[in-house]
Amino acid sequence: MTTVHVASEPGAQFLAPNQIVPLLIGATVDEVERELVLQTLARCDGNRTRAARVLGLSVRTLRNKIRIYAASGIEVPAYQD
C-alpha cells in the first residue's frame, strides 16, 4: 500500500491514502487548512517559527491564521518547552 508523507519534520508520521481521504471528504478547504495548521502546530510543540517553515508560510501569515482561529473560539496549541 502506498503511504503519504504528511510533514517534512524528522519523525513525521506516514498515513495511508485511506486514512487521509475520510478527513477530506465533506470538509471545506478552510476546515482542512485549519486542521493542518493546528496539527502542525501541535507536532511542533507550539513553535510558530518551525510550524510556519513546515507549512511553507511566513510567520506573519501563520500568526494571522492563529488570531482568526482564536477569535472563533478554537483552541490553538501553545508553545511548550
N, C-alpha and C. Protein backbone atom coordinates (compact mmCIF):
# COMPACT_ATOMS: atom_id res chain seq x y z
N MET A 1 0.84 -1.18 0.00
CA MET A 1 0.00 0.00 0.00
C MET A 1 0.89 1.24 0.00
N THR A 2 0.52 2.24 -0.78
CA THR A 2 1.26 3.49 -0.85
C THR A 2 1.01 4.32 0.40
N THR A 3 2.03 4.98 0.88
CA THR A 3 1.85 5.87 2.03
C THR A 3 2.12 7.30 1.60
N VAL A 4 1.60 8.25 2.36
CA VAL A 4 1.76 9.66 2.07
C VAL A 4 2.47 10.31 3.23
N HIS A 5 3.52 11.05 2.93
CA HIS A 5 4.28 11.77 3.96
C HIS A 5 3.50 13.06 4.26
N VAL A 6 3.10 13.27 5.52
CA VAL A 6 2.26 14.42 5.85
C VAL A 6 3.00 15.57 6.49
N ALA A 7 4.27 15.47 6.73
CA ALA A 7 5.04 16.58 7.29
C ALA A 7 6.50 16.41 6.91
N SER A 8 7.22 17.51 6.85
CA SER A 8 8.62 17.44 6.44
C SER A 8 9.57 17.46 7.63
N GLU A 9 9.10 17.28 8.82
CA GLU A 9 9.93 17.23 10.01
C GLU A 9 10.43 15.80 10.24
N PRO A 10 11.61 15.65 10.83
CA PRO A 10 12.08 14.31 11.16
C PRO A 10 11.10 13.60 12.09
N GLY A 11 10.91 12.33 11.87
CA GLY A 11 9.99 11.56 12.72
C GLY A 11 8.53 11.78 12.38
N ALA A 12 8.26 12.42 11.24
CA ALA A 12 6.87 12.68 10.86
C ALA A 12 6.14 11.36 10.62
N GLN A 13 4.85 11.40 10.81
CA GLN A 13 4.04 10.21 10.62
C GLN A 13 3.70 10.03 9.15
N PHE A 14 3.45 8.80 8.78
CA PHE A 14 3.01 8.49 7.43
C PHE A 14 1.59 7.94 7.52
N LEU A 15 0.74 8.40 6.61
CA LEU A 15 -0.64 7.93 6.58
C LEU A 15 -0.90 7.24 5.25
N ALA A 16 -1.64 6.18 5.30
CA ALA A 16 -2.08 5.51 4.08
C ALA A 16 -3.19 6.37 3.46
N PRO A 17 -3.35 6.33 2.14
CA PRO A 17 -4.39 7.13 1.49
C PRO A 17 -5.78 6.93 2.10
N ASN A 18 -6.11 5.73 2.54
CA ASN A 18 -7.44 5.51 3.11
C ASN A 18 -7.60 6.19 4.47
N GLN A 19 -6.51 6.66 5.09
CA GLN A 19 -6.61 7.40 6.34
C GLN A 19 -6.77 8.90 6.07
N ILE A 20 -6.28 9.37 4.94
CA ILE A 20 -6.37 10.79 4.60
C ILE A 20 -7.73 11.14 4.02
N VAL A 21 -8.25 10.31 3.16
CA VAL A 21 -9.49 10.60 2.46
C VAL A 21 -10.66 10.91 3.40
N PRO A 22 -10.90 10.15 4.48
CA PRO A 22 -12.03 10.50 5.36
C PRO A 22 -11.92 11.91 5.94
N LEU A 23 -10.71 12.40 6.18
CA LEU A 23 -10.52 13.76 6.67
C LEU A 23 -10.97 14.77 5.62
N LEU A 24 -10.75 14.46 4.36
CA LEU A 24 -11.01 15.41 3.28
C LEU A 24 -12.46 15.41 2.81
N ILE A 25 -13.08 14.26 2.77
CA ILE A 25 -14.43 14.16 2.21
C ILE A 25 -15.42 14.90 3.10
N GLY A 26 -16.14 15.79 2.49
CA GLY A 26 -17.17 16.55 3.20
C GLY A 26 -16.64 17.77 3.95
N ALA A 27 -15.34 17.99 3.91
CA ALA A 27 -14.75 19.14 4.59
C ALA A 27 -14.48 20.25 3.58
N THR A 28 -14.61 21.49 4.04
CA THR A 28 -14.27 22.62 3.18
C THR A 28 -12.76 22.80 3.17
N VAL A 29 -12.28 23.56 2.21
CA VAL A 29 -10.84 23.84 2.14
C VAL A 29 -10.40 24.56 3.40
N ASP A 30 -11.20 25.49 3.90
CA ASP A 30 -10.86 26.20 5.14
C ASP A 30 -10.74 25.24 6.32
N GLU A 31 -11.63 24.27 6.40
CA GLU A 31 -11.58 23.30 7.50
C GLU A 31 -10.33 22.43 7.41
N VAL A 32 -10.00 21.99 6.21
CA VAL A 32 -8.81 21.16 6.02
C VAL A 32 -7.56 21.98 6.35
N GLU A 33 -7.52 23.22 5.87
CA GLU A 33 -6.38 24.08 6.16
C GLU A 33 -6.22 24.31 7.66
N ARG A 34 -7.33 24.60 8.33
CA ARG A 34 -7.29 24.84 9.78
C ARG A 34 -6.77 23.61 10.52
N GLU A 35 -7.25 22.44 10.15
CA GLU A 35 -6.80 21.21 10.80
C GLU A 35 -5.31 20.97 10.56
N LEU A 36 -4.86 21.23 9.34
CA LEU A 36 -3.45 21.07 9.01
C LEU A 36 -2.59 22.04 9.83
N VAL A 37 -3.02 23.29 9.94
CA VAL A 37 -2.28 24.28 10.73
C VAL A 37 -2.23 23.87 12.19
N LEU A 38 -3.37 23.47 12.75
CA LEU A 38 -3.42 23.13 14.17
C LEU A 38 -2.60 21.87 14.48
N GLN A 39 -2.69 20.87 13.62
CA GLN A 39 -1.91 19.65 13.85
C GLN A 39 -0.41 19.90 13.69
N THR A 40 -0.06 20.74 12.73
CA THR A 40 1.36 21.07 12.56
C THR A 40 1.87 21.83 13.77
N LEU A 41 1.09 22.77 14.27
CA LEU A 41 1.49 23.49 15.49
C LEU A 41 1.67 22.52 16.66
N ALA A 42 0.76 21.59 16.80
CA ALA A 42 0.85 20.62 17.89
C ALA A 42 2.12 19.77 17.75
N ARG A 43 2.42 19.32 16.55
CA ARG A 43 3.61 18.49 16.33
C ARG A 43 4.90 19.28 16.49
N CYS A 44 4.81 20.60 16.33
CA CYS A 44 5.98 21.47 16.52
C CYS A 44 5.99 22.04 17.93
N ASP A 45 5.22 21.45 18.83
CA ASP A 45 5.14 21.89 20.23
C ASP A 45 4.80 23.37 20.37
N GLY A 46 3.95 23.86 19.46
CA GLY A 46 3.51 25.25 19.52
C GLY A 46 4.52 26.25 18.98
N ASN A 47 5.66 25.78 18.48
CA ASN A 47 6.68 26.67 17.95
C ASN A 47 6.22 27.20 16.60
N ARG A 48 5.83 28.48 16.58
CA ARG A 48 5.25 29.07 15.37
C ARG A 48 6.25 29.20 14.23
N THR A 49 7.50 29.50 14.56
CA THR A 49 8.51 29.63 13.51
C THR A 49 8.72 28.30 12.80
N ARG A 50 8.86 27.24 13.57
CA ARG A 50 9.06 25.91 12.99
C ARG A 50 7.82 25.46 12.22
N ALA A 51 6.64 25.70 12.79
CA ALA A 51 5.39 25.31 12.11
C ALA A 51 5.23 26.06 10.79
N ALA A 52 5.55 27.34 10.80
CA ALA A 52 5.45 28.14 9.56
C ALA A 52 6.39 27.58 8.50
N ARG A 53 7.60 27.19 8.90
CA ARG A 53 8.56 26.62 7.95
C ARG A 53 8.03 25.32 7.37
N VAL A 54 7.48 24.45 8.23
CA VAL A 54 6.94 23.16 7.76
C VAL A 54 5.79 23.39 6.79
N LEU A 55 4.94 24.37 7.09
CA LEU A 55 3.77 24.64 6.26
C LEU A 55 4.08 25.46 5.01
N GLY A 56 5.28 26.05 4.95
CA GLY A 56 5.63 26.88 3.81
C GLY A 56 4.96 28.24 3.86
N LEU A 57 4.72 28.73 5.08
CA LEU A 57 4.08 30.03 5.30
C LEU A 57 5.06 30.98 5.97
N SER A 58 4.78 32.27 5.86
CA SER A 58 5.55 33.22 6.66
C SER A 58 5.00 33.16 8.09
N VAL A 59 5.83 33.54 9.04
CA VAL A 59 5.38 33.56 10.44
C VAL A 59 4.21 34.52 10.59
N ARG A 60 4.24 35.62 9.88
CA ARG A 60 3.15 36.61 9.95
C ARG A 60 1.83 35.99 9.47
N THR A 61 1.86 35.26 8.35
CA THR A 61 0.65 34.61 7.84
C THR A 61 0.12 33.60 8.85
N LEU A 62 1.03 32.80 9.42
CA LEU A 62 0.60 31.82 10.41
C LEU A 62 0.01 32.52 11.63
N ARG A 63 0.64 33.58 12.09
CA ARG A 63 0.13 34.33 13.24
C ARG A 63 -1.27 34.89 12.95
N ASN A 64 -1.50 35.38 11.73
CA ASN A 64 -2.82 35.89 11.35
C ASN A 64 -3.87 34.78 11.36
N LYS A 65 -3.51 33.61 10.87
CA LYS A 65 -4.44 32.47 10.88
C LYS A 65 -4.76 32.08 12.32
N ILE A 66 -3.75 32.04 13.17
CA ILE A 66 -3.95 31.69 14.58
C ILE A 66 -4.88 32.70 15.25
N ARG A 67 -4.69 33.98 14.96
CA ARG A 67 -5.54 35.03 15.52
C ARG A 67 -7.01 34.81 15.13
N ILE A 68 -7.24 34.46 13.87
CA ILE A 68 -8.60 34.20 13.40
C ILE A 68 -9.19 32.98 14.11
N TYR A 69 -8.40 31.92 14.24
CA TYR A 69 -8.88 30.72 14.91
C TYR A 69 -9.22 31.02 16.37
N ALA A 70 -8.35 31.72 17.06
CA ALA A 70 -8.57 32.04 18.47
C ALA A 70 -9.81 32.92 18.64
N ALA A 71 -10.03 33.86 17.73
CA ALA A 71 -11.20 34.73 17.80
C ALA A 71 -12.49 33.94 17.58
N SER A 72 -12.38 32.81 16.89
CA SER A 72 -13.54 31.94 16.65
C SER A 72 -13.76 30.95 17.78
N GLY A 73 -12.91 31.02 18.80
CA GLY A 73 -13.05 30.13 19.95
C GLY A 73 -12.36 28.78 19.77
N ILE A 74 -11.50 28.67 18.77
CA ILE A 74 -10.79 27.41 18.52
C ILE A 74 -9.52 27.41 19.35
N GLU A 75 -9.29 26.31 20.06
CA GLU A 75 -8.09 26.19 20.89
C GLU A 75 -6.87 25.97 20.02
N VAL A 76 -5.86 26.80 20.23
CA VAL A 76 -4.62 26.73 19.46
C VAL A 76 -3.51 26.22 20.38
N PRO A 77 -2.74 25.22 19.91
CA PRO A 77 -1.65 24.70 20.76
C PRO A 77 -0.67 25.80 21.17
N ALA A 78 -0.37 25.84 22.45
CA ALA A 78 0.58 26.84 22.97
C ALA A 78 1.99 26.29 22.89
N TYR A 79 2.96 27.21 22.92
CA TYR A 79 4.36 26.81 22.90
C TYR A 79 4.72 26.03 24.14
N GLN A 80 5.43 24.91 23.96
CA GLN A 80 5.87 24.09 25.09
C GLN A 80 7.36 23.92 25.02
N ASP A 81 8.03 24.08 26.16
CA ASP A 81 9.49 23.91 26.21
C ASP A 81 9.87 22.47 26.12
